[in-house]
């Protein structure tokens, strides 16, 4: 028995003439942007298709899907199958190719990393970087957090900024993060890492920060995500992670690239302090080496 999410694009095409005017708008956009839609939030699709988010949710349920996330997963699977068939491979997960040789794998991954960084660089602008650097400069304390793989980037942020300032720290676990955020106020700041910007835990944590007046810097892929709406500054990373590829090294690399750009901007803004503290931390680390 075929899964109800199989062949989503074929099913859309077959049912097209039974759709309402609003549903046809959604179907038209999806069928004309098959690759892009698997990376879009429901808010972004709503804006592009010219319909409400509620209409999209109803549309997904009318198609036999439980939610919009189920639609994105089915779109990603359909694109993966098309990609695999064009490569002459039978598997449906585009980043796992059993027959691929090591040198081909190496080049493919390198291309993905380069594209992720290139995309992130194209998204960044000086105004947002300076605004984020201002927030960090004026903050008394800065909490760096994320969920899942994004927490690795958050810990790297704490480590990197910790080489030039003692006010940056990270905390693992949503409960511990909520506790720390509840004690921050308008004199503090937080750097959130979230590829989707749509994680329920991230949104709830952001609400705590906003209620306390804490300044929020979000590093994410999607500008119109729920988390973006609760942030003071949004820095967009690159990489196109599909729904069947939860977490990827290219996505992490693009986030770290944005982090490094923010770190460089902060150090330029606070050059005297950064240089003195960098010398101190470097000297300590050199003395700890054998």
Protein backbone atom coordinates (compact mmCIF):
# COMPACT_ATOMS: atom_id res chain seq x y z
CA UNK A 1 0.00 0.00 0.00
CA UNK A 2 1.38 3.40 -1.00
CA UNK A 3 1.93 5.99 1.71
CA UNK A 4 -0.50 8.90 1.42
CA UNK A 5 2.43 11.30 1.13
CA UNK A 6 3.92 9.51 -1.90
CA UNK A 7 3.88 11.46 -5.17
CA UNK A 8 2.55 14.67 -3.66
CA UNK A 9 3.16 16.68 -6.84
CA UNK A 10 1.33 14.11 -8.99
CA UNK A 11 -1.56 14.13 -6.54
CA UNK A 12 -1.74 17.92 -6.66
CA UNK A 13 -1.82 17.88 -10.43
CA UNK A 14 -4.53 15.20 -10.52
CA UNK A 15 -6.78 17.00 -8.02
CA UNK A 16 -6.12 20.51 -9.38
CA UNK A 17 -9.47 21.09 -11.11
CA UNK A 18 -11.38 20.17 -7.97
CA UNK A 19 -9.63 22.86 -5.90
CA UNK A 20 -11.17 26.16 -4.84
CA UNK A 21 -9.68 29.41 -6.13
CA UNK A 22 -7.52 29.77 -3.00
CA UNK A 23 -6.38 26.17 -3.18
CA UNK A 24 -5.39 26.64 -6.82
CA UNK A 25 -3.19 29.57 -5.77
CA UNK A 26 -1.40 27.30 -3.31
CA UNK A 27 -1.10 24.44 -5.83
CA UNK A 28 0.16 26.80 -8.55
CA UNK A 29 2.94 28.11 -6.33
CA UNK A 30 3.92 24.65 -5.10
CA UNK A 31 4.01 23.10 -8.57
CA UNK A 32 6.07 26.00 -9.92
CA UNK A 33 8.50 26.00 -6.97
CA UNK A 34 8.88 22.32 -6.12
CA UNK A 35 12.39 22.62 -4.72
CA UNK A 36 11.87 25.88 -2.80
CA UNK A 37 8.68 24.90 -0.94
CA UNK A 38 10.36 22.15 1.08
CA UNK A 39 12.48 24.84 2.76
CA UNK A 40 9.70 27.41 3.31
CA UNK A 41 7.83 28.11 6.53
CA UNK A 42 4.03 28.24 6.39
CA UNK A 43 4.30 32.02 6.83
CA UNK A 44 6.56 32.34 3.80
CA UNK A 45 4.32 30.18 1.61
CA UNK A 46 1.31 32.17 2.79
CA UNK A 47 2.95 35.42 1.67
CA UNK A 48 4.14 34.03 -1.67
CA UNK A 49 0.88 32.29 -2.58
CA UNK A 50 -1.28 35.20 -1.41
CA UNK A 51 -3.47 33.17 0.96
CA UNK A 52 -3.80 32.91 4.73
CA UNK A 53 -1.88 30.42 6.88
CA UNK A 54 -5.21 28.91 7.93
CA UNK A 55 -6.06 28.27 4.26
CA UNK A 56 -2.76 26.43 3.81
CA UNK A 57 -3.41 24.32 6.91
CA UNK A 58 -6.88 23.38 5.61
CA UNK A 59 -5.41 22.65 2.19
CA UNK A 60 -2.89 20.21 3.70
CA UNK A 61 -5.62 18.41 5.65
CA UNK A 62 -7.83 18.22 2.53
CA UNK A 63 -4.88 16.51 0.82
CA UNK A 64 -4.88 13.89 3.57
CA UNK A 65 -1.88 15.32 5.43
CA UNK A 66 -1.79 15.89 9.16
CA UNK A 67 -0.03 19.25 9.03
CA UNK A 68 2.04 21.64 6.95
CA UNK A 69 5.18 19.92 8.23
CA UNK A 70 3.84 16.66 6.77
CA UNK A 71 3.46 18.44 3.44
CA UNK A 72 7.08 19.65 3.56
CA UNK A 73 8.23 16.12 4.36
CA UNK A 74 6.25 14.69 1.43
CA UNK A 75 7.63 17.39 -0.89
CA UNK A 76 11.18 16.60 0.26
CA UNK A 77 10.61 12.87 -0.32
CA UNK A 78 9.21 13.53 -3.80
CA UNK A 79 12.18 15.74 -4.70
CA UNK A 80 14.57 13.13 -3.31
CA UNK A 81 13.02 10.41 -5.47
CA UNK A 82 13.27 12.61 -8.56
CA UNK A 83 16.88 13.41 -7.70
CA UNK A 84 17.71 9.76 -7.13
CA UNK A 85 16.09 8.63 -10.37
CA UNK A 86 18.06 11.22 -12.33
CA UNK A 87 21.25 9.83 -10.75
CA UNK A 88 20.26 6.25 -11.54
CA UNK A 89 20.08 5.42 -7.82
CA UNK A 90 17.15 3.64 -6.17
CA UNK A 91 17.42 5.12 -2.71
CA UNK A 92 15.20 8.03 -1.62
CA UNK A 93 17.53 9.91 0.69
CA UNK A 94 19.64 12.26 -1.48
CA UNK A 95 22.59 12.53 0.90
CA UNK A 96 23.05 8.74 1.23
CA UNK A 97 24.36 7.12 -1.95
CA UNK A 98 25.81 3.63 -1.37
CA UNK A 99 27.40 3.43 -4.83
CA UNK A 100 29.14 6.79 -4.62
CA UNK A 101 32.94 6.77 -4.72
CA UNK A 102 34.93 8.59 -2.04
CA UNK A 103 36.38 11.21 -4.40
CA UNK A 104 32.89 12.00 -5.74
CA UNK A 105 31.50 12.20 -2.20
CA UNK A 106 34.34 14.53 -1.22
CA UNK A 107 33.64 16.92 -4.09
CA UNK A 108 29.88 16.86 -3.52
CA UNK A 109 30.24 17.67 0.17
CA UNK A 110 32.79 20.39 -0.52
CA UNK A 111 30.39 21.96 -3.02
CA UNK A 112 27.60 21.84 -0.43
CA UNK A 113 29.77 23.55 2.22
CA UNK A 114 30.91 26.24 -0.22
CA UNK A 115 27.36 26.88 -1.39
CA UNK A 116 26.09 27.10 2.21
CA UNK A 117 28.72 29.72 3.10
CA UNK A 118 28.20 31.60 -0.18
CA UNK A 119 24.47 31.74 0.46
CA UNK A 120 24.97 32.95 4.04
CA UNK A 121 27.39 35.65 2.83
CA UNK A 122 24.83 36.85 0.29
CA UNK A 123 22.20 37.20 3.04
CA UNK A 124 24.33 39.21 5.48
CA UNK A 125 24.30 42.99 5.50
CA UNK A 126 26.32 45.53 7.43
CA UNK A 127 23.31 47.17 9.07
CA UNK A 128 22.14 43.95 10.76
CA UNK A 129 25.66 42.98 11.82
CA UNK A 130 26.25 46.40 13.36
CA UNK A 131 22.88 46.30 15.13
CA UNK A 132 23.71 42.88 16.59
CA UNK A 133 27.20 44.05 17.61
CA UNK A 134 25.63 47.07 19.36
CA UNK A 135 23.36 44.79 21.36
CA UNK A 136 26.28 42.60 22.44
CA UNK A 137 28.46 45.60 23.27
CA UNK A 138 25.82 47.17 25.52
CA UNK A 139 24.73 43.92 27.21
CA UNK A 140 25.78 43.10 30.76
CA UNK A 141 25.52 39.34 30.09
CA UNK A 142 24.93 37.34 26.91
CA UNK A 143 23.37 33.87 26.92
CA UNK A 144 24.11 31.69 23.86
CA UNK A 145 21.59 28.88 23.32
CA UNK A 146 19.95 26.56 20.81
CA UNK A 147 18.22 23.19 20.62
CA UNK A 148 19.63 19.94 19.25
CA UNK A 149 22.45 20.45 16.78
CA UNK A 150 22.03 24.22 17.03
CA UNK A 151 23.28 24.02 20.63
CA UNK A 152 26.71 23.04 19.26
CA UNK A 153 26.84 26.36 17.41
CA UNK A 154 25.68 28.15 20.57
CA UNK A 155 28.50 26.60 22.60
CA UNK A 156 30.96 27.61 19.89
CA UNK A 157 29.62 31.17 20.20
CA UNK A 158 30.17 31.13 23.95
CA UNK A 159 33.69 29.78 23.45
CA UNK A 160 34.61 32.21 20.66
CA UNK A 161 33.30 35.36 22.34
CA UNK A 162 34.71 34.06 25.62
CA UNK A 163 38.22 34.65 24.25
CA UNK A 164 37.62 38.42 24.27
CA UNK A 165 34.96 38.97 26.97
CA UNK A 166 33.86 37.26 30.20
CA UNK A 167 30.16 38.08 29.77
CA UNK A 168 29.26 35.32 27.27
CA UNK A 169 28.04 31.93 28.49
CA UNK A 170 25.96 28.98 27.30
CA UNK A 171 23.52 26.58 28.98
CA UNK A 172 22.26 23.21 27.73
CA UNK A 173 18.70 21.92 28.10
CA UNK A 174 15.44 23.82 27.65
CA UNK A 175 14.60 23.77 31.38
CA UNK A 176 17.98 25.18 32.42
CA UNK A 177 17.76 27.70 29.58
CA UNK A 178 14.32 28.83 30.74
CA UNK A 179 15.63 29.30 34.28
CA UNK A 180 18.56 31.43 33.08
CA UNK A 181 16.36 33.50 30.78
CA UNK A 182 13.91 34.20 33.60
CA UNK A 183 16.72 35.95 35.50
CA UNK A 184 17.88 38.12 32.60
CA UNK A 185 16.48 41.60 32.05
CA UNK A 186 16.63 44.56 29.65
CA UNK A 187 20.34 44.99 30.35
CA UNK A 188 21.14 41.53 29.01
CA UNK A 189 21.07 39.81 25.61
CA UNK A 190 20.68 36.35 24.13
CA UNK A 191 21.97 34.77 20.92
CA UNK A 192 19.59 32.07 19.66
CA UNK A 193 20.60 29.51 17.05
CA UNK A 194 17.73 27.80 15.22
CA UNK A 195 17.88 26.66 11.59
CA UNK A 196 14.10 26.53 11.16
CA UNK A 197 13.14 29.22 13.66
CA UNK A 198 9.99 27.20 14.21
CA UNK A 199 10.92 24.91 17.12
CA UNK A 200 8.25 25.07 19.82
CA UNK A 201 10.84 25.17 22.62
CA UNK A 202 12.74 28.04 20.97
CA UNK A 203 9.56 30.08 20.57
CA UNK A 204 8.61 29.53 24.22
CA UNK A 205 12.11 30.52 25.37
CA UNK A 206 11.98 33.63 23.19
CA UNK A 207 8.73 34.65 24.83
CA UNK A 208 10.44 34.55 28.22
CA UNK A 209 13.23 36.75 26.89
CA UNK A 210 10.79 39.22 25.32
CA UNK A 211 8.71 39.46 28.50
CA UNK A 212 11.86 40.42 30.42
CA UNK A 213 12.91 42.99 27.82
CA UNK A 214 16.05 41.00 26.99
CA UNK A 215 17.50 41.81 23.57
CA UNK A 216 17.39 38.91 21.14
CA UNK A 217 19.73 38.07 18.23
CA UNK A 218 18.52 35.13 16.14
CA UNK A 219 20.68 33.17 13.68
CA UNK A 220 18.32 31.22 11.41
CA UNK A 221 17.64 30.22 7.82
CA UNK A 222 14.13 31.66 7.62
CA UNK A 223 13.41 35.36 8.04
CA UNK A 224 9.64 34.93 8.39
CA UNK A 225 9.72 32.16 10.97
CA UNK A 226 7.85 32.39 14.32
CA UNK A 227 11.16 32.95 16.14
CA UNK A 228 12.10 35.80 13.80
CA UNK A 229 8.99 37.72 14.82
CA UNK A 230 10.17 37.65 18.45
CA UNK A 231 13.74 38.80 17.74
CA UNK A 232 15.38 42.23 17.67
CA UNK A 233 17.94 41.29 15.00
CA UNK A 234 17.81 38.32 12.63
CA UNK A 235 20.99 37.11 10.91
CA UNK A 236 20.24 34.66 8.10
CA UNK A 237 22.46 31.64 7.55
CA UNK A 238 22.69 29.57 4.36
CA UNK A 239 22.30 25.88 3.41
CA UNK A 240 19.14 24.29 2.10
CA UNK A 241 18.38 21.52 4.56
CA UNK A 242 15.46 19.40 3.41
CA UNK A 243 12.78 17.95 5.66
CA UNK A 244 14.27 14.46 5.23
CA UNK A 245 17.69 15.76 6.25
CA UNK A 246 17.21 16.88 9.83
CA UNK A 247 20.48 18.57 10.74
CA UNK A 248 23.46 18.72 8.42
CA UNK A 249 27.08 19.79 8.55
CA UNK A 250 26.61 22.42 5.77
CA UNK A 251 23.83 24.04 7.84
CA UNK A 252 26.12 24.06 10.89
CA UNK A 253 29.03 25.46 8.84
CA UNK A 254 26.84 28.29 7.52
CA UNK A 255 25.73 29.15 11.08
CA UNK A 256 29.34 29.24 12.27
CA UNK A 257 30.24 31.48 9.33
CA UNK A 258 27.54 33.96 10.41
CA UNK A 259 28.81 33.65 13.99
CA UNK A 260 32.36 34.42 12.86
CA UNK A 261 31.13 37.49 10.96
CA UNK A 262 29.32 38.68 14.09
CA UNK A 263 32.42 38.01 16.20
CA UNK A 264 34.59 40.01 13.80
CA UNK A 265 32.13 42.90 13.81
CA UNK A 266 32.01 42.86 17.62
CA UNK A 267 35.82 42.83 17.89
CA UNK A 268 36.10 45.78 15.50
CA UNK A 269 33.59 47.67 17.63
CA UNK A 270 35.46 46.84 20.84
CA UNK A 271 38.99 46.60 19.47
CA UNK A 272 40.89 47.87 22.53
CA UNK A 273 39.18 45.52 25.00
CA UNK A 274 39.23 42.62 22.51
CA UNK A 275 42.97 42.91 21.90
CA UNK A 276 43.85 43.05 25.60
CA UNK A 277 41.60 40.11 26.49
CA UNK A 278 42.70 38.09 23.48
CA UNK A 279 46.31 38.44 24.60
CA UNK A 280 45.37 37.29 28.10
CA UNK A 281 43.44 34.22 26.95
CA UNK A 282 46.06 33.32 24.35
CA UNK A 283 48.83 33.59 26.93
CA UNK A 284 46.97 31.32 29.34
CA UNK A 285 46.35 28.70 26.65
CA UNK A 286 49.99 28.78 25.53
CA UNK A 287 51.13 28.12 29.09
CA UNK A 288 48.76 25.13 29.33
CA UNK A 289 50.44 23.46 26.36
CA UNK A 290 53.25 20.97 26.98
